[in-house]
Amino acid sequence: MTVARPFKQVDVFTQVPLLGNPVAVILDGEGLSVETMQLIANWTNLSETTFVTPATDPAADYSVRIFTPASELPFAGHPTLGTAHAVIEAGLARWKDGKIVQQCAVGLVEISKGETGLSFRLPRYAYRDAPQPEKLIAALGENVITGTPQIVDVGPHWTIAELASCDVLANLMPDLNILADYERLHHTTGLTVYAECDDGNIMVRSFAPADGITEDPVCGSGNGAVAAYRLRLGQIADGSAYMASQGRQVGRDGHIRVRIDGADIHIGGDCVTVVEGSFRLP
């Protein structure tokens, strides 16, 4: 028997369809096996596909599982915003005082609605030095990295590095084979690099080749990890707010709003539904 499961494809970090980062959202994932979820995620071939199920925690409005084409993630940024947008649009949850709560493998994630789109509070962040920095230099080039790279755990484990300038970042052509080997060896999600531009905002790029994602168009968790890294360096502080741009090198034009409230990091952006329909699955 074939079951039609409602589906939306949402473009995240943009108001203009096709210029952000798409996420596939299966709005009824109940009863699907992990193997089937992974097959679907591999088939959609997007950086992430999510599966909505009823929450098991009474504090949450819904639960979600997040898959790349190759593996499951405990948390991810643009899928969190895109799934929240799809769930609200489908009437599966309602705002309560401008907030909803998502349950995922990393725990409970609070999502807020504001005048400038949706935002989530980063559920956690922790740091450790990035081992073998010489491998990162080999992948990116000499005299490209500024400061000391670190691995920032936000659920996904991103290696974060600041680059010398936005021009250097825009023209970066990393050795993806070296980066993939680095990810496998050190069990990281990928590499996110950034540079501060003349207007005080930043440009960001994210690479996760070992997970089948050559370059992520616009990455919420990567930007959250960058914000945590900048917070530790003192580049930003309580009350700071800035805009990050990402995706132009792959034909997108994403914009990520970052806000610091005490030690909390909030990552926000716009969402727009591009595709609606159903998955017909046995």
C-alpha atoms as a PDB file:
ATOM      1  CA  MET A   1       0.000   0.000   0.000  1.00  0.00           C
ATOM      2  CA  THR A   2       1.329   3.453  -0.959  1.00  0.00           C
ATOM      3  CA  VAL A   3       1.118   6.217   1.643  1.00  0.00           C
ATOM      4  CA  ALA A   4       1.174   9.887   0.617  1.00  0.00           C
ATOM      5  CA  ARG A   5       3.206  11.878   3.117  1.00  0.00           C
ATOM      6  CA  PRO A   6       2.895  15.689   2.921  1.00  0.00           C
ATOM      7  CA  PHE A   7       6.043  17.470   1.875  1.00  0.00           C
ATOM      8  CA  LYS A   8       7.368  21.012   1.542  1.00  0.00           C
ATOM      9  CA  GLN A   9      10.644  22.301   0.179  1.00  0.00           C
ATOM     10  CA  VAL A  10      11.567  25.541   1.893  1.00  0.00           C
ATOM     11  CA  ASP A  11      14.244  28.030   0.870  1.00  0.00           C
ATOM     12  CA  VAL A  12      15.959  29.383   3.984  1.00  0.00           C
ATOM     13  CA  PHE A  13      17.876  32.616   4.610  1.00  0.00           C
ATOM     14  CA  THR A  14      16.211  34.373   1.700  1.00  0.00           C
ATOM     15  CA  GLN A  15      12.983  36.149   0.773  1.00  0.00           C
ATOM     16  CA  VAL A  16      13.514  35.245  -2.890  1.00  0.00           C
ATOM     17  CA  PRO A  17      12.907  31.637  -3.999  1.00  0.00           C
ATOM     18  CA  LEU A  18      15.982  29.829  -5.361  1.00  0.00           C
ATOM     19  CA  LEU A  19      18.519  32.170  -3.722  1.00  0.00           C
ATOM     20  CA  GLY A  20      18.776  30.569  -0.255  1.00  0.00           C
ATOM     21  CA  ASN A  21      19.448  27.065   1.031  1.00  0.00           C
ATOM     22  CA  PRO A  22      16.631  24.563   0.414  1.00  0.00           C
ATOM     23  CA  VAL A  23      15.549  21.947   2.934  1.00  0.00           C
ATOM     24  CA  ALA A  24      13.158  19.088   2.187  1.00  0.00           C
ATOM     25  CA  VAL A  25      10.599  18.661   4.982  1.00  0.00           C
ATOM     26  CA  ILE A  26       8.590  15.440   5.285  1.00  0.00           C
ATOM     27  CA  LEU A  27       5.747  16.620   7.502  1.00  0.00           C
ATOM     28  CA  ASP A  28       4.688  13.104   8.535  1.00  0.00           C
ATOM     29  CA  GLY A  29       7.738  11.008   9.267  1.00  0.00           C
ATOM     30  CA  GLU A  30       6.058   8.774  11.831  1.00  0.00           C
ATOM     31  CA  GLY A  31       6.729   5.073  11.235  1.00  0.00           C
ATOM     32  CA  LEU A  32       9.601   5.563   8.799  1.00  0.00           C
ATOM     33  CA  SER A  33      12.719   3.564   9.562  1.00  0.00           C
ATOM     34  CA  VAL A  34      16.112   5.226   9.853  1.00  0.00           C
ATOM     35  CA  GLU A  35      17.143   3.358   6.700  1.00  0.00           C
ATOM     36  CA  THR A  36      14.183   4.784   4.758  1.00  0.00           C
ATOM     37  CA  MET A  37      14.854   8.300   6.039  1.00  0.00           C
ATOM     38  CA  GLN A  38      18.464   8.014   4.895  1.00  0.00           C
ATOM     39  CA  LEU A  39      17.389   6.724   1.476  1.00  0.00           C
ATOM     40  CA  ILE A  40      15.024   9.677   1.070  1.00  0.00           C
ATOM     41  CA  ALA A  41      17.709  12.155   2.110  1.00  0.00           C
ATOM     42  CA  ASN A  42      20.135  10.617  -0.343  1.00  0.00           C
ATOM     43  CA  TRP A  43      17.471  10.791  -3.066  1.00  0.00           C
ATOM     44  CA  THR A  44      16.566  14.458  -2.489  1.00  0.00           C
ATOM     45  CA  ASN A  45      20.303  15.190  -2.688  1.00  0.00           C
ATOM     46  CA  LEU A  46      19.895  18.394  -0.688  1.00  0.00           C
ATOM     47  CA  SER A  47      22.300  19.310   2.077  1.00  0.00           C
ATOM     48  CA  GLU A  48      19.553  18.314   4.563  1.00  0.00           C
ATOM     49  CA  THR A  49      16.174  16.587   4.648  1.00  0.00           C
ATOM     50  CA  THR A  50      14.033  16.603   7.796  1.00  0.00           C
ATOM     51  CA  PHE A  51      11.322  14.291   9.135  1.00  0.00           C
ATOM     52  CA  VAL A  52       8.677  15.664  11.505  1.00  0.00           C
ATOM     53  CA  THR A  53       7.161  13.382  14.148  1.00  0.00           C
ATOM     54  CA  PRO A  54       5.139  14.002  17.327  1.00  0.00           C
ATOM     55  CA  ALA A  55       7.211  15.257  20.260  1.00  0.00           C
ATOM     56  CA  THR A  56       7.963  12.884  23.104  1.00  0.00           C
ATOM     57  CA  ASP A  57       8.961  15.755  25.409  1.00  0.00           C
ATOM     58  CA  PRO A  58       5.892  17.653  26.699  1.00  0.00           C
ATOM     59  CA  ALA A  59       7.863  20.906  26.486  1.00  0.00           C
ATOM     60  CA  ALA A  60       8.242  20.554  22.694  1.00  0.00           C
ATOM     61  CA  ASP A  61       5.745  21.304  19.923  1.00  0.00           C
ATOM     62  CA  TYR A  62       7.127  18.682  17.542  1.00  0.00           C
ATOM     63  CA  SER A  63      10.158  16.470  17.008  1.00  0.00           C
ATOM     64  CA  VAL A  64      12.439  16.395  13.984  1.00  0.00           C
ATOM     65  CA  ARG A  65      15.213  14.183  12.628  1.00  0.00           C
ATOM     66  CA  ILE A  66      17.758  15.738  10.296  1.00  0.00           C
ATOM     67  CA  PHE A  67      19.664  13.872   7.581  1.00  0.00           C
ATOM     68  CA  THR A  68      22.337  14.820   5.058  1.00  0.00           C
ATOM     69  CA  PRO A  69      22.696  12.627   1.951  1.00  0.00           C
ATOM     70  CA  ALA A  70      25.114  10.457   3.944  1.00  0.00           C
ATOM     71  CA  SER A  71      24.289  10.624   7.676  1.00  0.00           C
ATOM     72  CA  GLU A  72      22.037  11.900  10.462  1.00  0.00           C
ATOM     73  CA  LEU A  73      22.830  15.140  12.310  1.00  0.00           C
ATOM     74  CA  PRO A  74      21.933  15.916  15.935  1.00  0.00           C
ATOM     75  CA  PHE A  75      21.136  19.517  14.972  1.00  0.00           C
ATOM     76  CA  ALA A  76      21.423  21.864  11.998  1.00  0.00           C
ATOM     77  CA  GLY A  77      20.528  25.499  11.529  1.00  0.00           C
ATOM     78  CA  HIS A  78      18.804  26.045   8.200  1.00  0.00           C
ATOM     79  CA  PRO A  79      16.771  22.805   8.591  1.00  0.00           C
ATOM     80  CA  THR A  80      15.587  24.062  11.999  1.00  0.00           C
ATOM     81  CA  LEU A  81      14.263  27.324  10.555  1.00  0.00           C
ATOM     82  CA  GLY A  82      12.879  25.690   7.395  1.00  0.00           C
ATOM     83  CA  THR A  83      11.124  22.937   9.341  1.00  0.00           C
ATOM     84  CA  ALA A  84       9.601  25.445  11.774  1.00  0.00           C
ATOM     85  CA  HIS A  85       8.332  27.494   8.819  1.00  0.00           C
ATOM     86  CA  ALA A  86       6.801  24.390   7.200  1.00  0.00           C
ATOM     87  CA  VAL A  87       5.259  23.105  10.439  1.00  0.00           C
ATOM     88  CA  ILE A  88       3.592  26.451  11.202  1.00  0.00           C
ATOM     89  CA  GLU A  89       2.427  26.872   7.604  1.00  0.00           C
ATOM     90  CA  ALA A  90       0.899  23.369   7.668  1.00  0.00           C
ATOM     91  CA  GLY A  91      -0.915  24.069  10.943  1.00  0.00           C
ATOM     92  CA  LEU A  92       0.949  21.382  12.884  1.00  0.00           C
ATOM     93  CA  ALA A  93       2.016  23.836  15.589  1.00  0.00           C
ATOM     94  CA  ARG A  94       1.105  27.331  16.728  1.00  0.00           C
ATOM     95  CA  TRP A  95       3.144  30.188  18.088  1.00  0.00           C
ATOM     96  CA  LYS A  96       2.923  30.666  21.855  1.00  0.00           C
ATOM     97  CA  ASP A  97       4.035  34.168  22.819  1.00  0.00           C
ATOM     98  CA  GLY A  98       5.987  34.272  19.570  1.00  0.00           C
ATOM     99  CA  LYS A  99       7.874  31.021  20.231  1.00  0.00           C
ATOM    100  CA  ILE A 100       7.761  27.324  19.409  1.00  0.00           C
ATOM    101  CA  VAL A 101      10.031  24.538  20.662  1.00  0.00           C
ATOM    102  CA  GLN A 102      11.635  21.876  18.484  1.00  0.00           C
ATOM    103  CA  GLN A 103      12.832  18.559  19.868  1.00  0.00           C
ATOM    104  CA  CYS A 104      15.837  16.989  18.138  1.00  0.00           C
ATOM    105  CA  ALA A 105      18.805  14.834  19.038  1.00  0.00           C
ATOM    106  CA  VAL A 106      20.713  17.736  20.605  1.00  0.00           C
ATOM    107  CA  GLY A 107      17.747  18.529  22.874  1.00  0.00           C
ATOM    108  CA  LEU A 108      15.126  21.293  22.844  1.00  0.00           C
ATOM    109  CA  VAL A 109      15.625  24.247  20.511  1.00  0.00           C
ATOM    110  CA  GLU A 110      13.660  27.458  20.974  1.00  0.00           C
ATOM    111  CA  ILE A 111      12.551  29.209  17.784  1.00  0.00           C
ATOM    112  CA  SER A 112      11.202  32.771  17.788  1.00  0.00           C
ATOM    113  CA  LYS A 113       9.138  34.792  15.348  1.00  0.00           C
ATOM    114  CA  GLY A 114      10.065  38.434  14.885  1.00  0.00           C
ATOM    115  CA  GLU A 115       9.604  41.294  12.461  1.00  0.00           C
ATOM    116  CA  THR A 116      12.655  40.054  10.565  1.00  0.00           C
ATOM    117  CA  GLY A 117      11.758  36.387  10.081  1.00  0.00           C
ATOM    118  CA  LEU A 118      12.508  33.406  12.307  1.00  0.00           C
ATOM    119  CA  SER A 119      15.446  32.804  14.600  1.00  0.00           C
ATOM    120  CA  PHE A 120      16.694  30.010  16.840  1.00  0.00           C
ATOM    121  CA  ARG A 121      18.761  30.136  19.993  1.00  0.00           C
ATOM    122  CA  LEU A 122      21.863  28.023  19.548  1.00  0.00           C
ATOM    123  CA  PRO A 123      21.322  25.113  21.964  1.00  0.00           C
ATOM    124  CA  ARG A 124      24.968  24.772  22.933  1.00  0.00           C
ATOM    125  CA  TYR A 125      28.520  25.585  21.982  1.00  0.00           C
ATOM    126  CA  ALA A 126      31.900  24.330  23.176  1.00  0.00           C
ATOM    127  CA  TYR A 127      35.439  24.759  21.894  1.00  0.00           C
ATOM    128  CA  ARG A 128      38.586  22.777  21.332  1.00  0.00           C
ATOM    129  CA  ASP A 129      41.757  23.542  19.407  1.00  0.00           C
ATOM    130  CA  ALA A 130      41.784  22.269  15.853  1.00  0.00           C
ATOM    131  CA  PRO A 131      44.453  19.564  15.559  1.00  0.00           C
ATOM    132  CA  GLN A 132      46.919  19.463  12.677  1.00  0.00           C
ATOM    133  CA  PRO A 133      46.530  23.089  11.564  1.00  0.00           C
ATOM    134  CA  GLU A 134      49.136  22.373   8.916  1.00  0.00           C
ATOM    135  CA  LYS A 135      46.518  20.223   7.134  1.00  0.00           C
ATOM    136  CA  LEU A 136      44.153  23.194   7.023  1.00  0.00           C
ATOM    137  CA  ILE A 137      46.940  25.386   5.637  1.00  0.00           C
ATOM    138  CA  ALA A 138      47.622  22.735   2.988  1.00  0.00           C
ATOM    139  CA  ALA A 139      43.920  22.689   2.066  1.00  0.00           C
ATOM    140  CA  LEU A 140      43.444  26.471   1.954  1.00  0.00           C
ATOM    141  CA  GLY A 141      46.878  27.840   1.082  1.00  0.00           C
ATOM    142  CA  GLU A 142      49.713  29.715   2.769  1.00  0.00           C
ATOM    143  CA  ASN A 143      49.022  33.071   4.462  1.00  0.00           C
ATOM    144  CA  VAL A 144      45.238  32.656   4.123  1.00  0.00           C
ATOM    145  CA  ILE A 145      44.233  31.827   7.709  1.00  0.00           C
ATOM    146  CA  THR A 146      44.322  34.546  10.388  1.00  0.00           C
ATOM    147  CA  GLY A 147      44.617  33.424  14.006  1.00  0.00           C
ATOM    148  CA  THR A 148      44.183  29.912  15.372  1.00  0.00           C
ATOM    149  CA  PRO A 149      41.468  27.612  13.977  1.00  0.00           C
ATOM    150  CA  GLN A 150      39.206  25.889  16.474  1.00  0.00           C
ATOM    151  CA  ILE A 151      36.577  23.156  16.417  1.00  0.00           C
ATOM    152  CA  VAL A 152      33.277  24.476  17.746  1.00  0.00           C
ATOM    153  CA  ASP A 153      30.676  21.941  18.877  1.00  0.00           C
ATOM    154  CA  VAL A 154      27.156  23.259  18.235  1.00  0.00           C
ATOM    155  CA  GLY A 155      25.717  19.773  17.724  1.00  0.00           C
ATOM    156  CA  PRO A 156      27.622  19.507  14.441  1.00  0.00           C
ATOM    157  CA  HIS A 157      31.365  19.934  15.016  1.00  0.00           C
ATOM    158  CA  TRP A 158      32.577  22.709  12.704  1.00  0.00           C
ATOM    159  CA  THR A 159      36.223  23.601  12.199  1.00  0.00           C
ATOM    160  CA  ILE A 160      36.236  27.415  12.180  1.00  0.00           C
ATOM    161  CA  ALA A 161      38.909  29.702  10.768  1.00  0.00           C
ATOM    162  CA  GLU A 162      39.091  33.416  10.020  1.00  0.00           C
ATOM    163  CA  LEU A 163      40.584  34.365   6.664  1.00  0.00           C
ATOM    164  CA  ALA A 164      42.640  37.420   5.779  1.00  0.00           C
ATOM    165  CA  SER A 165      39.959  39.306   3.805  1.00  0.00           C
ATOM    166  CA  CYS A 166      36.619  38.972   2.043  1.00  0.00           C
ATOM    167  CA  ASP A 167      38.449  39.027  -1.305  1.00  0.00           C
ATOM    168  CA  VAL A 168      40.557  36.060  -0.216  1.00  0.00           C
ATOM    169  CA  LEU A 169      37.450  34.241   0.984  1.00  0.00           C
ATOM    170  CA  ALA A 170      35.470  34.966  -2.190  1.00  0.00           C
ATOM    171  CA  ASN A 171      38.223  33.537  -4.370  1.00  0.00           C
ATOM    172  CA  LEU A 172      39.068  30.570  -2.138  1.00  0.00           C
ATOM    173  CA  MET A 173      39.392  27.204  -3.902  1.00  0.00           C
ATOM    174  CA  PRO A 174      40.105  24.685  -1.124  1.00  0.00           C
ATOM    175  CA  ASP A 175      41.516  21.228  -1.694  1.00  0.00           C
ATOM    176  CA  LEU A 176      38.380  19.207  -0.949  1.00  0.00           C
ATOM    177  CA  ASN A 177      40.234  15.883  -0.739  1.00  0.00           C
ATOM    178  CA  ILE A 178      42.398  17.188   2.103  1.00  0.00           C
ATOM    179  CA  LEU A 179      39.332  18.624   3.843  1.00  0.00           C
ATOM    180  CA  ALA A 180      37.420  15.344   3.507  1.00  0.00           C
ATOM    181  CA  ASP A 181      40.354  13.403   4.987  1.00  0.00           C
ATOM    182  CA  TYR A 182      40.542  15.932   7.840  1.00  0.00           C
ATOM    183  CA  GLU A 183      36.822  15.510   8.598  1.00  0.00           C
ATOM    184  CA  ARG A 184      37.073  11.728   8.704  1.00  0.00           C
ATOM    185  CA  LEU A 185      40.233  11.719  10.809  1.00  0.00           C
ATOM    186  CA  HIS A 186      39.008  14.215  13.405  1.00  0.00           C
ATOM    187  CA  HIS A 187      35.270  13.408  13.277  1.00  0.00           C
ATOM    188  CA  THR A 188      34.228  16.920  12.289  1.00  0.00           C
ATOM    189  CA  THR A 189      31.216  18.017  10.240  1.00  0.00           C
ATOM    190  CA  GLY A 190      33.206  20.269   7.946  1.00  0.00           C
ATOM    191  CA  LEU A 191      35.030  23.568   7.648  1.00  0.00           C
ATOM    192  CA  THR A 192      33.391  26.999   7.916  1.00  0.00           C
ATOM    193  CA  VAL A 193      35.539  30.033   7.150  1.00  0.00           C
ATOM    194  CA  TYR A 194      34.726  33.718   7.431  1.00  0.00           C
ATOM    195  CA  ALA A 195      36.169  37.171   6.917  1.00  0.00           C
ATOM    196  CA  GLU A 196      35.114  40.615   8.087  1.00  0.00           C
ATOM    197  CA  CYS A 197      34.173  43.007   5.303  1.00  0.00           C
ATOM    198  CA  ASP A 198      34.494  46.785   5.085  1.00  0.00           C
ATOM    199  CA  ASP A 199      30.926  47.409   6.324  1.00  0.00           C
ATOM    200  CA  GLY A 200      31.522  45.518   9.591  1.00  0.00           C
ATOM    201  CA  ASN A 201      29.460  42.522   8.511  1.00  0.00           C
ATOM    202  CA  ILE A 202      31.011  39.202   7.503  1.00  0.00           C
ATOM    203  CA  MET A 203      31.133  36.785   4.587  1.00  0.00           C
ATOM    204  CA  VAL A 204      30.987  33.041   5.285  1.00  0.00           C
ATOM    205  CA  ARG A 205      31.605  29.839   3.327  1.00  0.00           C
ATOM    206  CA  SER A 206      31.065  26.224   4.514  1.00  0.00           C
ATOM    207  CA  PHE A 207      32.489  22.975   3.125  1.00  0.00           C
ATOM    208  CA  ALA A 208      31.606  19.403   4.159  1.00  0.00           C
ATOM    209  CA  PRO A 209      32.940  17.149   1.380  1.00  0.00           C
ATOM    210  CA  ALA A 210      33.164  13.967   3.486  1.00  0.00           C
ATOM    211  CA  ASP A 211      29.396  14.161   3.981  1.00  0.00           C
ATOM    212  CA  GLY A 212      28.669  14.656   0.286  1.00  0.00           C
ATOM    213  CA  ILE A 213      28.309  18.460   0.528  1.00  0.00           C
ATOM    214  CA  THR A 214      30.988  20.127  -1.572  1.00  0.00           C
ATOM    215  CA  GLU A 215      29.874  23.596  -0.454  1.00  0.00           C
ATOM    216  CA  ASP A 216      26.813  24.313   1.698  1.00  0.00           C
ATOM    217  CA  PRO A 217      24.987  27.283   0.129  1.00  0.00           C
ATOM    218  CA  VAL A 218      23.926  28.957   3.414  1.00  0.00           C
ATOM    219  CA  CYS A 219      24.660  27.241   6.724  1.00  0.00           C
ATOM    220  CA  GLY A 220      22.884  28.102   9.986  1.00  0.00           C
ATOM    221  CA  SER A 221      24.900  25.907  12.336  1.00  0.00           C
ATOM    222  CA  GLY A 222      28.134  26.993  10.640  1.00  0.00           C
ATOM    223  CA  ASN A 223      27.215  30.635  11.211  1.00  0.00           C
ATOM    224  CA  GLY A 224      26.318  29.814  14.809  1.00  0.00           C
ATOM    225  CA  ALA A 225      29.763  28.258  15.258  1.00  0.00           C
ATOM    226  CA  VAL A 226      31.395  31.320  13.685  1.00  0.00           C
ATOM    227  CA  ALA A 227      29.498  33.560  16.124  1.00  0.00           C
ATOM    228  CA  ALA A 228      30.670  31.420  19.060  1.00  0.00           C
ATOM    229  CA  TYR A 229      34.263  31.620  17.781  1.00  0.00           C
ATOM    230  CA  ARG A 230      34.041  35.416  17.373  1.00  0.00           C
ATOM    231  CA  LEU A 231      32.482  35.725  20.842  1.00  0.00           C
ATOM    232  CA  ARG A 232      35.413  33.877  22.380  1.00  0.00           C
ATOM    233  CA  LEU A 233      37.909  36.099  20.542  1.00  0.00           C
ATOM    234  CA  GLY A 234      36.164  39.263  21.707  1.00  0.00           C
ATOM    235  CA  GLN A 235      35.243  40.328  18.171  1.00  0.00           C
ATOM    236  CA  ILE A 236      31.599  40.516  19.337  1.00  0.00           C
ATOM    237  CA  ALA A 237      29.961  40.733  22.771  1.00  0.00           C
ATOM    238  CA  ASP A 238      26.635  40.928  24.584  1.00  0.00           C
ATOM    239  CA  GLY A 239      24.353  43.191  22.560  1.00  0.00           C
ATOM    240  CA  SER A 240      26.209  42.719  19.270  1.00  0.00           C
ATOM    241  CA  ALA A 241      24.243  42.183  16.074  1.00  0.00           C
ATOM    242  CA  TYR A 242      25.491  41.727  12.534  1.00  0.00           C
ATOM    243  CA  MET A 243      24.597  40.291   9.135  1.00  0.00           C
ATOM    244  CA  ALA A 244      26.472  37.461   7.436  1.00  0.00           C
ATOM    245  CA  SER A 245      26.286  36.801   3.704  1.00  0.00           C
ATOM    246  CA  GLN A 246      26.823  33.371   2.200  1.00  0.00           C
ATOM    247  CA  GLY A 247      26.258  31.505  -1.035  1.00  0.00           C
ATOM    248  CA  ARG A 248      27.254  33.839  -3.863  1.00  0.00           C
ATOM    249  CA  GLN A 249      30.062  31.527  -4.957  1.00  0.00           C
ATOM    250  CA  VAL A 250      27.445  28.817  -5.692  1.00  0.00           C
ATOM    251  CA  GLY A 251      24.790  31.054  -7.240  1.00  0.00           C
ATOM    252  CA  ARG A 252      22.832  31.920  -4.077  1.00  0.00           C
ATOM    253  CA  ASP A 253      22.476  35.096  -2.030  1.00  0.00           C
ATOM    254  CA  GLY A 254      21.773  34.117   1.561  1.00  0.00           C
ATOM    255  CA  HIS A 255      21.637  36.494   4.512  1.00  0.00           C
ATOM    256  CA  ILE A 256      21.927  35.390   8.136  1.00  0.00           C
ATOM    257  CA  ARG A 257      21.092  37.676  11.064  1.00  0.00           C
ATOM    258  CA  VAL A 258      23.191  37.079  14.189  1.00  0.00           C
ATOM    259  CA  ARG A 259      22.380  38.522  17.603  1.00  0.00           C
ATOM    260  CA  ILE A 260      24.157  38.071  20.940  1.00  0.00           C
ATOM    261  CA  ASP A 261      22.095  38.226  24.134  1.00  0.00           C
ATOM    262  CA  GLY A 262      24.334  37.612  27.129  1.00  0.00           C
ATOM    263  CA  ALA A 263      25.985  34.296  26.337  1.00  0.00           C
ATOM    264  CA  ASP A 264      23.121  33.240  24.021  1.00  0.00           C
ATOM    265  CA  ILE A 265      23.613  33.214  20.262  1.00  0.00           C
ATOM    266  CA  HIS A 266      20.562  33.758  18.058  1.00  0.00           C
ATOM    267  CA  ILE A 267      20.662  32.869  14.349  1.00  0.00           C
ATOM    268  CA  GLY A 268      17.868  34.216  12.148  1.00  0.00           C
ATOM    269  CA  GLY A 269      16.668  34.598   8.598  1.00  0.00           C
ATOM    270  CA  ASP A 270      13.744  34.558   6.218  1.00  0.00           C
ATOM    271  CA  CYS A 271      12.044  31.439   4.828  1.00  0.00           C
ATOM    272  CA  VAL A 272       9.892  30.903   1.741  1.00  0.00           C
ATOM    273  CA  THR A 273       8.091  27.733   0.594  1.00  0.00           C
ATOM    274  CA  VAL A 274       9.009  26.829  -2.983  1.00  0.00           C
ATOM    275  CA  VAL A 275       7.543  23.332  -3.454  1.00  0.00           C
ATOM    276  CA  GLU A 276       4.490  21.629  -1.899  1.00  0.00           C
ATOM    277  CA  GLY A 277       3.248  18.115  -2.522  1.00  0.00           C
ATOM    278  CA  SER A 278       3.602  14.607  -1.147  1.00  0.00           C
ATOM    279  CA  PHE A 279       6.037  11.727  -1.070  1.00  0.00           C
ATOM    280  CA  ARG A 280       4.389   8.528  -2.213  1.00  0.00           C
ATOM    281  CA  LEU A 281       6.060   5.755  -0.276  1.00  0.00           C
ATOM    282  CA  PRO A 282       5.228   2.107   0.411  1.00  0.00           C
END
